[in-house]
Structures are given as structure tokens and as C-alpha cells.
Amino acid sequence: MLSKVFTIENGVKQGGIVSPVLLCIYIDGLLRLLRESNVGCFIGNVFVGALAYADDIALLAPTPRAMRHLLLICKEYGKKFSIKFNAAKSAWLYFSKGKQPHACFPQFSIDGNLINHASE
């Protein structure tokens, strides 16, 4: 059942004792959607494509296409629930068996903002 629309005048205090718990409840739906997408990394049958701690989320994907799909799920969830993902505070790493020239690196973005590549 949905309530009437109401405005939020105060947020959850950063560093507050219940802040991480409340955020986990808030993003649980996102983590569920990411898992149910069957896109990302798995160890056996266990989904490890989205790891979350407090207000940080790490996405793990085997291909650039899979990563873009996970980022799209995050974007759509954020739009629906007024969550802003900060591309400026985000970074991506690329791991491969061989050396890949820098010019061949893929690009990733969230909400139209480019996510920077990190080398370490």
C-alpha cells in the first residue's frame, strides 16, 4: 500500500549510528535487482557482482557490456528512488590476463557523467 506523497525536510545524519542500517534498507532493493539480473560475477552459484558496505557499492562484471548493464540498473533505481550516484567519487579498474593498451580501455558513465579509470 502506498501513502500520500510527502516532502522530506531532513535526511539521516552522516555518521549517525543508524545511518548505515537505514541505507542498507534503502538500497536492499537495488542489490536484489542487481542479483536478479544474472549479470555480473559469480563464485559458483553465488552472486558477487555487487558488494555493498555503508554507502559504498562495488560492482564486479566479467565484460564491459555486463558492467554497463549493472550501471544501467543502478541509474534506473536511482532515478526511481532519488538516489544520486556520484561519478566524480567513483572509479573503475580493469583486470585482464594480458596487457591491454590504454587506448583500448572501455568508458563507463552513470547519469551521463563519465567515471574515471583508476590504475590501482
PDB file of N, CA and C in Angstrom:
ATOM      1  N   MET A   1       0.851  -1.167   0.000  1.00  0.00           N
ATOM      2  CA  MET A   1       0.000   0.000   0.000  1.00  0.00           C
ATOM      3  C   MET A   1       0.899   1.233   0.000  1.00  0.00           C
ATOM      4  N   LEU A   2       0.543   2.225  -0.772  1.00  0.00           N
ATOM      5  CA  LEU A   2       1.325   3.451  -0.856  1.00  0.00           C
ATOM      6  C   LEU A   2       0.649   4.566  -0.074  1.00  0.00           C
ATOM      7  N   SER A   3       1.469   5.382   0.550  1.00  0.00           N
ATOM      8  CA  SER A   3       0.938   6.538   1.274  1.00  0.00           C
ATOM      9  C   SER A   3       0.808   7.711   0.308  1.00  0.00           C
ATOM     10  N   LYS A   4       0.260   8.812   0.819  1.00  0.00           N
ATOM     11  CA  LYS A   4       0.228  10.049   0.046  1.00  0.00           C
ATOM     12  C   LYS A   4       1.662  10.560  -0.073  1.00  0.00           C
ATOM     13  N   VAL A   5       1.941  11.336  -1.104  1.00  0.00           N
ATOM     14  CA  VAL A   5       3.259  11.922  -1.305  1.00  0.00           C
ATOM     15  C   VAL A   5       3.530  12.937  -0.200  1.00  0.00           C
ATOM     16  N   PHE A   6       4.765  12.940   0.314  1.00  0.00           N
ATOM     17  CA  PHE A   6       5.150  13.909   1.328  1.00  0.00           C
ATOM     18  C   PHE A   6       6.586  14.341   1.069  1.00  0.00           C
ATOM     19  N   THR A   7       6.928  15.540   1.521  1.00  0.00           N
ATOM     20  CA  THR A   7       8.280  16.053   1.322  1.00  0.00           C
ATOM     21  C   THR A   7       9.163  15.636   2.489  1.00  0.00           C
ATOM     22  N   ILE A   8      10.439  15.478   2.192  1.00  0.00           N
ATOM     23  CA  ILE A   8      11.417  15.141   3.230  1.00  0.00           C
ATOM     24  C   ILE A   8      12.176  16.414   3.562  1.00  0.00           C
ATOM     25  N   GLU A   9      12.115  16.818   4.800  1.00  0.00           N
ATOM     26  CA  GLU A   9      12.738  18.070   5.210  1.00  0.00           C
ATOM     27  C   GLU A   9      14.092  17.847   5.872  1.00  0.00           C
ATOM     28  N   ASN A  10      14.350  16.646   6.354  1.00  0.00           N
ATOM     29  CA  ASN A  10      15.625  16.314   6.980  1.00  0.00           C
ATOM     30  C   ASN A  10      16.073  14.953   6.486  1.00  0.00           C
ATOM     31  N   GLY A  11      17.376  14.786   6.352  1.00  0.00           N
ATOM     32  CA  GLY A  11      17.917  13.491   5.968  1.00  0.00           C
ATOM     33  C   GLY A  11      18.432  12.755   7.191  1.00  0.00           C
ATOM     34  N   VAL A  12      19.127  11.672   6.941  1.00  0.00           N
ATOM     35  CA  VAL A  12      19.745  10.911   8.024  1.00  0.00           C
ATOM     36  C   VAL A  12      21.121  11.513   8.288  1.00  0.00           C
ATOM     37  N   LYS A  13      21.432  11.720   9.537  1.00  0.00           N
ATOM     38  CA  LYS A  13      22.700  12.333   9.918  1.00  0.00           C
ATOM     39  C   LYS A  13      23.872  11.469   9.461  1.00  0.00           C
ATOM     40  N   GLN A  14      24.818  12.103   8.759  1.00  0.00           N
ATOM     41  CA  GLN A  14      26.013  11.384   8.347  1.00  0.00           C
ATOM     42  C   GLN A  14      26.824  11.037   9.593  1.00  0.00           C
ATOM     43  N   GLY A  15      27.237   9.784   9.692  1.00  0.00           N
ATOM     44  CA  GLY A  15      27.976   9.325  10.853  1.00  0.00           C
ATOM     45  C   GLY A  15      27.085   8.891  11.994  1.00  0.00           C
ATOM     46  N   GLY A  16      25.782   9.013  11.818  1.00  0.00           N
ATOM     47  CA  GLY A  16      24.846   8.587  12.859  1.00  0.00           C
ATOM     48  C   GLY A  16      24.865   7.072  13.010  1.00  0.00           C
ATOM     49  N   ILE A  17      24.532   6.600  14.187  1.00  0.00           N
ATOM     50  CA  ILE A  17      24.587   5.169  14.491  1.00  0.00           C
ATOM     51  C   ILE A  17      23.681   4.353  13.585  1.00  0.00           C
ATOM     52  N   VAL A  18      22.495   4.844  13.289  1.00  0.00           N
ATOM     53  CA  VAL A  18      21.561   4.066  12.468  1.00  0.00           C
ATOM     54  C   VAL A  18      21.699   4.360  10.974  1.00  0.00           C
ATOM     55  N   SER A  19      22.527   5.329  10.586  1.00  0.00           N
ATOM     56  CA  SER A  19      22.653   5.689   9.175  1.00  0.00           C
ATOM     57  C   SER A  19      23.007   4.506   8.276  1.00  0.00           C
ATOM     58  N   PRO A  20      24.032   3.697   8.600  1.00  0.00           N
ATOM     59  CA  PRO A  20      24.352   2.561   7.725  1.00  0.00           C
ATOM     60  C   PRO A  20      23.216   1.543   7.628  1.00  0.00           C
ATOM     61  N   VAL A  21      22.520   1.323   8.735  1.00  0.00           N
ATOM     62  CA  VAL A  21      21.408   0.370   8.736  1.00  0.00           C
ATOM     63  C   VAL A  21      20.286   0.873   7.834  1.00  0.00           C
ATOM     64  N   LEU A  22      19.939   2.152   7.981  1.00  0.00           N
ATOM     65  CA  LEU A  22      18.872   2.717   7.164  1.00  0.00           C
ATOM     66  C   LEU A  22      19.253   2.716   5.686  1.00  0.00           C
ATOM     67  N   LEU A  23      20.517   3.018   5.378  1.00  0.00           N
ATOM     68  CA  LEU A  23      20.946   2.992   3.986  1.00  0.00           C
ATOM     69  C   LEU A  23      20.861   1.577   3.424  1.00  0.00           C
ATOM     70  N   CYS A  24      21.242   0.595   4.214  1.00  0.00           N
ATOM     71  CA  CYS A  24      21.155  -0.797   3.759  1.00  0.00           C
ATOM     72  C   CYS A  24      19.718  -1.174   3.425  1.00  0.00           C
ATOM     73  N   ILE A  25      18.793  -0.726   4.241  1.00  0.00           N
ATOM     74  CA  ILE A  25      17.380  -0.995   3.959  1.00  0.00           C
ATOM     75  C   ILE A  25      16.978  -0.293   2.658  1.00  0.00           C
ATOM     76  N   TYR A  26      17.455   0.920   2.475  1.00  0.00           N
ATOM     77  CA  TYR A  26      17.116   1.723   1.307  1.00  0.00           C
ATOM     78  C   TYR A  26      17.662   1.118   0.015  1.00  0.00           C
ATOM     79  N   ILE A  27      18.888   0.586   0.043  1.00  0.00           N
ATOM     80  CA  ILE A  27      19.478   0.053  -1.186  1.00  0.00           C
ATOM     81  C   ILE A  27      19.309  -1.456  -1.333  1.00  0.00           C
ATOM     82  N   ASP A  28      18.634  -2.094  -0.385  1.00  0.00           N
ATOM     83  CA  ASP A  28      18.414  -3.535  -0.490  1.00  0.00           C
ATOM     84  C   ASP A  28      17.718  -3.899  -1.794  1.00  0.00           C
ATOM     85  N   GLY A  29      16.762  -3.099  -2.200  1.00  0.00           N
ATOM     86  CA  GLY A  29      16.060  -3.348  -3.456  1.00  0.00           C
ATOM     87  C   GLY A  29      17.000  -3.288  -4.653  1.00  0.00           C
ATOM     88  N   LEU A  30      17.950  -2.358  -4.628  1.00  0.00           N
ATOM     89  CA  LEU A  30      18.940  -2.260  -5.702  1.00  0.00           C
ATOM     90  C   LEU A  30      19.803  -3.514  -5.751  1.00  0.00           C
ATOM     91  N   LEU A  31      20.285  -3.938  -4.597  1.00  0.00           N
ATOM     92  CA  LEU A  31      21.123  -5.136  -4.557  1.00  0.00           C
ATOM     93  C   LEU A  31      20.358  -6.360  -5.047  1.00  0.00           C
ATOM     94  N   ARG A  32      19.082  -6.416  -4.711  1.00  0.00           N
ATOM     95  CA  ARG A  32      18.241  -7.527  -5.168  1.00  0.00           C
ATOM     96  C   ARG A  32      18.085  -7.492  -6.690  1.00  0.00           C
ATOM     97  N   LEU A  33      17.845  -6.304  -7.255  1.00  0.00           N
ATOM     98  CA  LEU A  33      17.714  -6.173  -8.705  1.00  0.00           C
ATOM     99  C   LEU A  33      19.002  -6.561  -9.427  1.00  0.00           C
ATOM    100  N   LEU A  34      20.126  -6.137  -8.874  1.00  0.00           N
ATOM    101  CA  LEU A  34      21.414  -6.487  -9.482  1.00  0.00           C
ATOM    102  C   LEU A  34      21.616  -7.999  -9.479  1.00  0.00           C
ATOM    103  N   ARG A  35      21.307  -8.644  -8.361  1.00  0.00           N
ATOM    104  CA  ARG A  35      21.443 -10.102  -8.266  1.00  0.00           C
ATOM    105  C   ARG A  35      20.497 -10.801  -9.235  1.00  0.00           C
ATOM    106  N   GLU A  36      19.265 -10.348  -9.292  1.00  0.00           N
ATOM    107  CA  GLU A  36      18.263 -10.992 -10.140  1.00  0.00           C
ATOM    108  C   GLU A  36      18.518 -10.780 -11.632  1.00  0.00           C
ATOM    109  N   SER A  37      19.375  -9.829 -11.974  1.00  0.00           N
ATOM    110  CA  SER A  37      19.689  -9.593 -13.382  1.00  0.00           C
ATOM    111  C   SER A  37      20.525 -10.731 -13.978  1.00  0.00           C
ATOM    112  N   ASN A  38      21.161 -11.518 -13.111  1.00  0.00           N
ATOM    113  CA  ASN A  38      22.064 -12.597 -13.540  1.00  0.00           C
ATOM    114  C   ASN A  38      23.205 -12.079 -14.403  1.00  0.00           C
ATOM    115  N   VAL A  39      23.547 -10.810 -14.220  1.00  0.00           N
ATOM    116  CA  VAL A  39      24.668 -10.189 -14.915  1.00  0.00           C
ATOM    117  C   VAL A  39      25.676  -9.805 -13.843  1.00  0.00           C
ATOM    118  N   GLY A  40      26.936 -10.048 -14.095  1.00  0.00           N
ATOM    119  CA  GLY A  40      27.963  -9.726 -13.114  1.00  0.00           C
ATOM    120  C   GLY A  40      28.792 -10.950 -12.825  1.00  0.00           C
ATOM    121  N   CYS A  41      29.498 -10.928 -11.733  1.00  0.00           N
ATOM    122  CA  CYS A  41      30.397 -12.029 -11.390  1.00  0.00           C
ATOM    123  C   CYS A  41      29.744 -12.983 -10.401  1.00  0.00           C
ATOM    124  N   PHE A  42      30.116 -14.237 -10.528  1.00  0.00           N
ATOM    125  CA  PHE A  42      29.617 -15.295  -9.660  1.00  0.00           C
ATOM    126  C   PHE A  42      30.787 -16.137  -9.189  1.00  0.00           C
ATOM    127  N   ILE A  43      30.683 -16.638  -7.981  1.00  0.00           N
ATOM    128  CA  ILE A  43      31.584 -17.678  -7.486  1.00  0.00           C
ATOM    129  C   ILE A  43      30.691 -18.893  -7.309  1.00  0.00           C
ATOM    130  N   GLY A  44      30.825 -19.834  -8.239  1.00  0.00           N
ATOM    131  CA  GLY A  44      29.879 -20.938  -8.279  1.00  0.00           C
ATOM    132  C   GLY A  44      28.514 -20.370  -8.611  1.00  0.00           C
ATOM    133  N   ASN A  45      27.531 -20.645  -7.762  1.00  0.00           N
ATOM    134  CA  ASN A  45      26.191 -20.100  -7.959  1.00  0.00           C
ATOM    135  C   ASN A  45      25.930 -18.859  -7.115  1.00  0.00           C
ATOM    136  N   VAL A  46      26.952 -18.359  -6.433  1.00  0.00           N
ATOM    137  CA  VAL A  46      26.788 -17.209  -5.540  1.00  0.00           C
ATOM    138  C   VAL A  46      27.120 -15.918  -6.296  1.00  0.00           C
ATOM    139  N   PHE A  47      26.171 -14.996  -6.312  1.00  0.00           N
ATOM    140  CA  PHE A  47      26.355 -13.707  -6.982  1.00  0.00           C
ATOM    141  C   PHE A  47      27.280 -12.821  -6.156  1.00  0.00           C
ATOM    142  N   VAL A  48      28.340 -12.364  -6.776  1.00  0.00           N
ATOM    143  CA  VAL A  48      29.260 -11.421  -6.131  1.00  0.00           C
ATOM    144  C   VAL A  48      29.459 -10.191  -7.020  1.00  0.00           C
ATOM    145  N   GLY A  49      28.469  -9.883  -7.835  1.00  0.00           N
ATOM    146  CA  GLY A  49      28.548  -8.764  -8.762  1.00  0.00           C
ATOM    147  C   GLY A  49      28.276  -7.412  -8.136  1.00  0.00           C
ATOM    148  N   ALA A  50      27.790  -7.393  -6.898  1.00  0.00           N
ATOM    149  CA  ALA A  50      27.545  -6.131  -6.194  1.00  0.00           C
ATOM    150  C   ALA A  50      27.852  -6.341  -4.722  1.00  0.00           C
ATOM    151  N   LEU A  51      28.878  -5.675  -4.259  1.00  0.00           N
ATOM    152  CA  LEU A  51      29.281  -5.755  -2.855  1.00  0.00           C
ATOM    153  C   LEU A  51      29.041  -4.384  -2.239  1.00  0.00           C
ATOM    154  N   ALA A  52      28.344  -4.345  -1.115  1.00  0.00           N
ATOM    155  CA  ALA A  52      27.998  -3.067  -0.503  1.00  0.00           C
ATOM    156  C   ALA A  52      28.439  -3.023   0.947  1.00  0.00           C
ATOM    157  N   TYR A  53      28.919  -1.846   1.353  1.00  0.00           N
ATOM    158  CA  TYR A  53      29.262  -1.597   2.747  1.00  0.00           C
ATOM    159  C   TYR A  53      28.974  -0.123   3.016  1.00  0.00           C
ATOM    160  N   ALA A  54      28.119   0.141   3.985  1.00  0.00           N
ATOM    161  CA  ALA A  54      27.678   1.507   4.302  1.00  0.00           C
ATOM    162  C   ALA A  54      27.182   2.162   3.021  1.00  0.00           C
ATOM    163  N   ASP A  55      27.778   3.277   2.586  1.00  0.00           N
ATOM    164  CA  ASP A  55      27.278   3.943   1.384  1.00  0.00           C
ATOM    165  C   ASP A  55      28.137   3.681   0.151  1.00  0.00           C
ATOM    166  N   ASP A  56      28.934   2.635   0.201  1.00  0.00           N
ATOM    167  CA  ASP A  56      29.773   2.262  -0.939  1.00  0.00           C
ATOM    168  C   ASP A  56      29.248   0.987  -1.589  1.00  0.00           C
ATOM    169  N   ILE A  57      29.260   0.976  -2.914  1.00  0.00           N
ATOM    170  CA  ILE A  57      28.871  -0.212  -3.671  1.00  0.00           C
ATOM    171  C   ILE A  57      29.962  -0.488  -4.685  1.00  0.00           C
ATOM    172  N   ALA A  58      30.449  -1.720  -4.718  1.00  0.00           N
ATOM    173  CA  ALA A  58      31.422  -2.151  -5.724  1.00  0.00           C
ATOM    174  C   ALA A  58      30.704  -3.099  -6.681  1.00  0.00           C
ATOM    175  N   LEU A  59      30.764  -2.784  -7.965  1.00  0.00           N
ATOM    176  CA  LEU A  59      30.185  -3.643  -8.984  1.00  0.00           C
ATOM    177  C   LEU A  59      31.296  -4.443  -9.637  1.00  0.00           C
ATOM    178  N   LEU A  60      31.081  -5.734  -9.816  1.00  0.00           N
ATOM    179  CA  LEU A  60      32.056  -6.615 -10.455  1.00  0.00           C
ATOM    180  C   LEU A  60      31.399  -7.255 -11.666  1.00  0.00           C
ATOM    181  N   ALA A  61      32.037  -7.127 -12.824  1.00  0.00           N
ATOM    182  CA  ALA A  61      31.463  -7.676 -14.047  1.00  0.00           C
ATOM    183  C   ALA A  61      32.567  -8.286 -14.904  1.00  0.00           C
ATOM    184  N   PRO A  62      32.247  -9.360 -15.626  1.00  0.00           N
ATOM    185  CA  PRO A  62      33.261 -10.033 -16.441  1.00  0.00           C
ATOM    186  C   PRO A  62      33.552  -9.330 -17.767  1.00  0.00           C
ATOM    187  N   THR A  63      32.671  -8.443 -18.222  1.00  0.00           N
ATOM    188  CA  THR A  63      32.864  -7.755 -19.500  1.00  0.00           C
ATOM    189  C   THR A  63      32.403  -6.305 -19.379  1.00  0.00           C
ATOM    190  N   PRO A  64      32.894  -5.431 -20.259  1.00  0.00           N
ATOM    191  CA  PRO A  64      32.403  -4.051 -20.264  1.00  0.00           C
ATOM    192  C   PRO A  64      30.891  -3.983 -20.501  1.00  0.00           C
ATOM    193  N   ARG A  65      30.372  -4.834 -21.356  1.00  0.00           N
ATOM    194  CA  ARG A  65      28.926  -4.838 -21.618  1.00  0.00           C
ATOM    195  C   ARG A  65      28.140  -5.182 -20.341  1.00  0.00           C
ATOM    196  N   ALA A  66      28.612  -6.165 -19.594  1.00  0.00           N
ATOM    197  CA  ALA A  66      27.955  -6.539 -18.343  1.00  0.00           C
ATOM    198  C   ALA A  66      28.008  -5.387 -17.339  1.00  0.00           C
ATOM    199  N   MET A  67      29.147  -4.691 -17.276  1.00  0.00           N
ATOM    200  CA  MET A  67      29.269  -3.552 -16.360  1.00  0.00           C
ATOM    201  C   MET A  67      28.286  -2.453 -16.738  1.00  0.00           C
ATOM    202  N   ARG A  68      28.147  -2.184 -18.025  1.00  0.00           N
ATOM    203  CA  ARG A  68      27.201  -1.157 -18.462  1.00  0.00           C
ATOM    204  C   ARG A  68      25.766  -1.532 -18.078  1.00  0.00           C
ATOM    205  N   HIS A  69      25.471  -2.823 -18.147  1.00  0.00           N
ATOM    206  CA  HIS A  69      24.135  -3.278 -17.761  1.00  0.00           C
ATOM    207  C   HIS A  69      23.893  -3.057 -16.259  1.00  0.00           C
ATOM    208  N   LEU A  70      24.891  -3.387 -15.432  1.00  0.00           N
ATOM    209  CA  LEU A  70      24.762  -3.157 -13.990  1.00  0.00           C
ATOM    210  C   LEU A  70      24.618  -1.667 -13.684  1.00  0.00           C
ATOM    211  N   LEU A  71      25.391  -0.834 -14.378  1.00  0.00           N
ATOM    212  CA  LEU A  71      25.296   0.616 -14.170  1.00  0.00           C
ATOM    213  C   LEU A  71      23.927   1.154 -14.598  1.00  0.00           C
ATOM    214  N   LEU A  72      23.354   0.586 -15.645  1.00  0.00           N
ATOM    215  CA  LEU A  72      22.017   0.994 -16.077  1.00  0.00           C
ATOM    216  C   LEU A  72      20.971   0.653 -15.019  1.00  0.00           C
ATOM    217  N   ILE A  73      21.098  -0.515 -14.411  1.00  0.00           N
ATOM    218  CA  ILE A  73      20.187  -0.893 -13.323  1.00  0.00           C
ATOM    219  C   ILE A  73      20.315   0.108 -12.178  1.00  0.00           C
ATOM    220  N   CYS A  74      21.543   0.478 -11.828  1.00  0.00           N
ATOM    221  CA  CYS A  74      21.763   1.463 -10.765  1.00  0.00           C
ATOM    222  C   CYS A  74      21.144   2.808 -11.137  1.00  0.00           C
ATOM    223  N   LYS A  75      21.347   3.231 -12.377  1.00  0.00           N
ATOM    224  CA  LYS A  75      20.800   4.509 -12.836  1.00  0.00           C
ATOM    225  C   LYS A  75      19.276   4.523 -12.719  1.00  0.00           C
ATOM    226  N   GLU A  76      18.629   3.470 -13.192  1.00  0.00           N
ATOM    227  CA  GLU A  76      17.163   3.405 -13.163  1.00  0.00           C
ATOM    228  C   GLU A  76      16.636   3.360 -11.722  1.00  0.00           C
ATOM    229  N   TYR A  77      17.320   2.603 -10.854  1.00  0.00           N
ATOM    230  CA  TYR A  77      16.918   2.524  -9.448  1.00  0.00           C
ATOM    231  C   TYR A  77      17.089   3.894  -8.789  1.00  0.00           C
ATOM    232  N   GLY A  78      18.213   4.544  -9.085  1.00  0.00           N
ATOM    233  CA  GLY A  78      18.468   5.866  -8.532  1.00  0.00           C
ATOM    234  C   GLY A  78      17.422   6.879  -8.952  1.00  0.00           C
ATOM    235  N   LYS A  79      17.030   6.812 -10.210  1.00  0.00           N
ATOM    236  CA  LYS A  79      16.003   7.729 -10.706  1.00  0.00           C
ATOM    237  C   LYS A  79      14.670   7.492  -9.993  1.00  0.00           C
ATOM    238  N   LYS A  80      14.336   6.224  -9.809  1.00  0.00           N
ATOM    239  CA  LYS A  80      13.067   5.874  -9.174  1.00  0.00           C
ATOM    240  C   LYS A  80      13.017   6.265  -7.699  1.00  0.00           C
ATOM    241  N   PHE A  81      14.161   6.129  -6.998  1.00  0.00           N
ATOM    242  CA  PHE A  81      14.186   6.353  -5.548  1.00  0.00           C
ATOM    243  C   PHE A  81      15.020   7.564  -5.131  1.00  0.00           C
ATOM    244  N   SER A  82      15.285   8.460  -6.065  1.00  0.00           N
ATOM    245  CA  SER A  82      16.009   9.720  -5.778  1.00  0.00           C
ATOM    246  C   SER A  82      17.376   9.485  -5.159  1.00  0.00           C
ATOM    247  N   ILE A  83      18.106   8.531  -5.714  1.00  0.00           N
ATOM    248  CA  ILE A  83      19.487   8.285  -5.282  1.00  0.00           C
ATOM    249  C   ILE A  83      20.401   8.844  -6.358  1.00  0.00           C
ATOM    250  N   LYS A  84      21.355   9.664  -5.959  1.00  0.00           N
ATOM    251  CA  LYS A  84      22.315  10.221  -6.905  1.00  0.00           C
ATOM    252  C   LYS A  84      23.639   9.482  -6.747  1.00  0.00           C
ATOM    253  N   PHE A  85      24.089   8.877  -7.832  1.00  0.00           N
ATOM    254  CA  PHE A  85      25.388   8.217  -7.839  1.00  0.00           C
ATOM    255  C   PHE A  85      26.407   9.237  -8.336  1.00  0.00           C
ATOM    256  N   ASN A  86      27.460   9.421  -7.582  1.00  0.00           N
ATOM    257  CA  ASN A  86      28.448  10.452  -7.870  1.00  0.00           C
ATOM    258  C   ASN A  86      29.590   9.873  -8.695  1.00  0.00           C
ATOM    259  N   ALA A  87      29.592  10.154  -9.992  1.00  0.00           N
ATOM    260  CA  ALA A  87      30.651   9.660 -10.874  1.00  0.00           C
ATOM    261  C   ALA A  87      32.014  10.222 -10.475  1.00  0.00           C
ATOM    262  N   ALA A  88      32.038  11.445  -9.945  1.00  0.00           N
ATOM    263  CA  ALA A  88      33.304  12.070  -9.549  1.00  0.00           C
ATOM    264  C   ALA A  88      33.957  11.348  -8.370  1.00  0.00           C
ATOM    265  N   LYS A  89      33.164  10.666  -7.552  1.00  0.00           N
ATOM    266  CA  LYS A  89      33.708   9.918  -6.416  1.00  0.00           C
ATOM    267  C   LYS A  89      33.807   8.424  -6.734  1.00  0.00           C
ATOM    268  N   SER A  90      33.629   8.086  -7.993  1.00  0.00           N
ATOM    269  CA  SER A  90      33.669   6.688  -8.415  1.00  0.00           C
ATOM    270  C   SER A  90      34.870   6.453  -9.321  1.00  0.00           C
ATOM    271  N   ALA A  91      35.261   5.214  -9.434  1.00  0.00           N
ATOM    272  CA  ALA A  91      36.365   4.840 -10.327  1.00  0.00           C
ATOM    273  C   ALA A  91      36.168   3.400 -10.752  1.00  0.00           C
ATOM    274  N   TRP A  92      36.816   3.038 -11.863  1.00  0.00           N
ATOM    275  CA  TRP A  92      36.745   1.650 -12.303  1.00  0.00           C
ATOM    276  C   TRP A  92      38.144   1.133 -12.583  1.00  0.00           C
ATOM    277  N   LEU A  93      38.301  -0.150 -12.357  1.00  0.00           N
ATOM    278  CA  LEU A  93      39.555  -0.851 -12.625  1.00  0.00           C
ATOM    279  C   LEU A  93      39.290  -1.941 -13.644  1.00  0.00           C
ATOM    280  N   TYR A  94      40.293  -2.226 -14.450  1.00  0.00           N
ATOM    281  CA  TYR A  94      40.182  -3.268 -15.457  1.00  0.00           C
ATOM    282  C   TYR A  94      41.264  -4.301 -15.192  1.00  0.00           C
ATOM    283  N   PHE A  95      40.861  -5.559 -15.085  1.00  0.00           N
ATOM    284  CA  PHE A  95      41.815  -6.644 -14.861  1.00  0.00           C
ATOM    285  C   PHE A  95      41.776  -7.571 -16.062  1.00  0.00           C
ATOM    286  N   SER A  96      42.945  -7.992 -16.516  1.00  0.00           N
ATOM    287  CA  SER A  96      42.985  -8.992 -17.584  1.00  0.00           C
ATOM    288  C   SER A  96      44.247  -9.830 -17.437  1.00  0.00           C
ATOM    289  N   LYS A  97      44.246 -10.954 -18.108  1.00  0.00           N
ATOM    290  CA  LYS A  97      45.410 -11.843 -18.061  1.00  0.00           C
ATOM    291  C   LYS A  97      46.595 -11.214 -18.765  1.00  0.00           C
ATOM    292  N   GLY A  98      46.345 -10.541 -19.852  1.00  0.00           N
ATOM    293  CA  GLY A  98      47.420  -9.912 -20.615  1.00  0.00           C
ATOM    294  C   GLY A  98      47.392  -8.411 -20.455  1.00  0.00           C
ATOM    295  N   LYS A  99      48.366  -7.767 -21.047  1.00  0.00           N
ATOM    296  CA  LYS A  99      48.411  -6.301 -21.018  1.00  0.00           C
ATOM    297  C   LYS A  99      47.546  -5.767 -22.148  1.00  0.00           C
ATOM    298  N   GLN A 100      46.701  -4.808 -21.821  1.00  0.00           N
ATOM    299  CA  GLN A 100      45.865  -4.182 -22.838  1.00  0.00           C
ATOM    300  C   GLN A 100      46.294  -2.727 -22.952  1.00  0.00           C
ATOM    301  N   PRO A 101      46.513  -2.252 -24.179  1.00  0.00           N
ATOM    302  CA  PRO A 101      46.906  -0.846 -24.345  1.00  0.00           C
ATOM    303  C   PRO A 101      45.849   0.094 -23.778  1.00  0.00           C
ATOM    304  N   HIS A 102      46.303   1.198 -23.210  1.00  0.00           N
ATOM    305  CA  HIS A 102      45.408   2.174 -22.581  1.00  0.00           C
ATOM    306  C   HIS A 102      44.335   2.669 -23.539  1.00  0.00           C
ATOM    307  N   ALA A 103      44.665   2.798 -24.816  1.00  0.00           N
ATOM    308  CA  ALA A 103      43.710   3.317 -25.798  1.00  0.00           C
ATOM    309  C   ALA A 103      42.510   2.395 -25.980  1.00  0.00           C
ATOM    310  N   CYS A 104      42.640   1.137 -25.594  1.00  0.00           N
ATOM    311  CA  CYS A 104      41.552   0.172 -25.793  1.00  0.00           C
ATOM    312  C   CYS A 104      40.618   0.073 -24.593  1.00  0.00           C
ATOM    313  N   PHE A 105      40.887   0.820 -23.533  1.00  0.00           N
ATOM    314  CA  PHE A 105      40.035   0.732 -22.355  1.00  0.00           C
ATOM    315  C   PHE A 105      38.624   1.194 -22.686  1.00  0.00           C
ATOM    316  N   PRO A 106      37.635   0.529 -22.149  1.00  0.00           N
ATOM    317  CA  PRO A 106      36.259   0.991 -22.355  1.00  0.00           C
ATOM    318  C   PRO A 106      35.996   2.240 -21.518  1.00  0.00           C
ATOM    319  N   GLN A 107      34.862   2.881 -21.750  1.00  0.00           N
ATOM    320  CA  GLN A 107      34.440   4.007 -20.933  1.00  0.00           C
ATOM    321  C   GLN A 107      33.130   3.638 -20.254  1.00  0.00           C
ATOM    322  N   PHE A 108      32.970   4.142 -19.035  1.00  0.00           N
ATOM    323  CA  PHE A 108      31.743   3.891 -18.275  1.00  0.00           C
ATOM    324  C   PHE A 108      31.224   5.218 -17.752  1.00  0.00           C
ATOM    325  N   SER A 109      29.905   5.293 -17.621  1.00  0.00           N
ATOM    326  CA  SER A 109      29.301   6.512 -17.089  1.00  0.00           C
ATOM    327  C   SER A 109      28.060   6.146 -16.289  1.00  0.00           C
ATOM    328  N   ILE A 110      27.652   7.079 -15.463  1.00  0.00           N
ATOM    329  CA  ILE A 110      26.389   6.945 -14.730  1.00  0.00           C
ATOM    330  C   ILE A 110      25.697   8.296 -14.793  1.00  0.00           C
ATOM    331  N   ASP A 111      24.438   8.292 -15.141  1.00  0.00           N
ATOM    332  CA  ASP A 111      23.658   9.522 -15.312  1.00  0.00           C
ATOM    333  C   ASP A 111      24.336  10.497 -16.271  1.00  0.00           C
ATOM    334  N   GLY A 112      25.006   9.985 -17.304  1.00  0.00           N
ATOM    335  CA  GLY A 112      25.652  10.830 -18.293  1.00  0.00           C
ATOM    336  C   GLY A 112      26.998  11.378 -17.870  1.00  0.00           C
ATOM    337  N   ASN A 113      27.468  11.037 -16.676  1.00  0.00           N
ATOM    338  CA  ASN A 113      28.766  11.527 -16.176  1.00  0.00           C
ATOM    339  C   ASN A 113      29.794  10.419 -16.268  1.00  0.00           C
ATOM    340  N   LEU A 114      30.914  10.729 -16.902  1.00  0.00           N
ATOM    341  CA  LEU A 114      31.983   9.767 -17.107  1.00  0.00           C
ATOM    342  C   LEU A 114      32.612   9.344 -15.772  1.00  0.00           C
ATOM    343  N   ILE A 115      32.833   8.050 -15.614  1.00  0.00           N
ATOM    344  CA  ILE A 115      33.504   7.512 -14.426  1.00  0.00           C
ATOM    345  C   ILE A 115      34.984   7.370 -14.780  1.00  0.00           C
ATOM    346  N   ASN A 116      35.845   7.888 -13.940  1.00  0.00           N
ATOM    347  CA  ASN A 116      37.283   7.856 -14.199  1.00  0.00           C
ATOM    348  C   ASN A 116      37.861   6.457 -14.032  1.00  0.00           C
ATOM    349  N   HIS A 117      38.872   6.171 -14.839  1.00  0.00           N
ATOM    350  CA  HIS A 117      39.616   4.921 -14.725  1.00  0.00           C
ATOM    351  C   HIS A 117      40.699   5.097 -13.658  1.00  0.00           C
ATOM    352  N   ALA A 118      40.897   4.090 -12.850  1.00  0.00           N
ATOM    353  CA  ALA A 118      41.966   4.096 -11.841  1.00  0.00           C
ATOM    354  C   ALA A 118      42.978   3.026 -12.219  1.00  0.00           C
ATOM    355  N   SER A 119      44.236   3.297 -11.991  1.00  0.00           N
ATOM    356  CA  SER A 119      45.268   2.316 -12.342  1.00  0.00           C
ATOM    357  C   SER A 119      45.632   1.421 -11.160  1.00  0.00           C
ATOM    358  N   GLU A 120      45.198   1.801  -9.970  1.00  0.00           N
ATOM    359  CA  GLU A 120      45.492   0.991  -8.784  1.00  0.00           C
ATOM    360  C   GLU A 120      44.439   1.226  -7.724  1.00  0.00           C
TER     361      GLU A 120
END
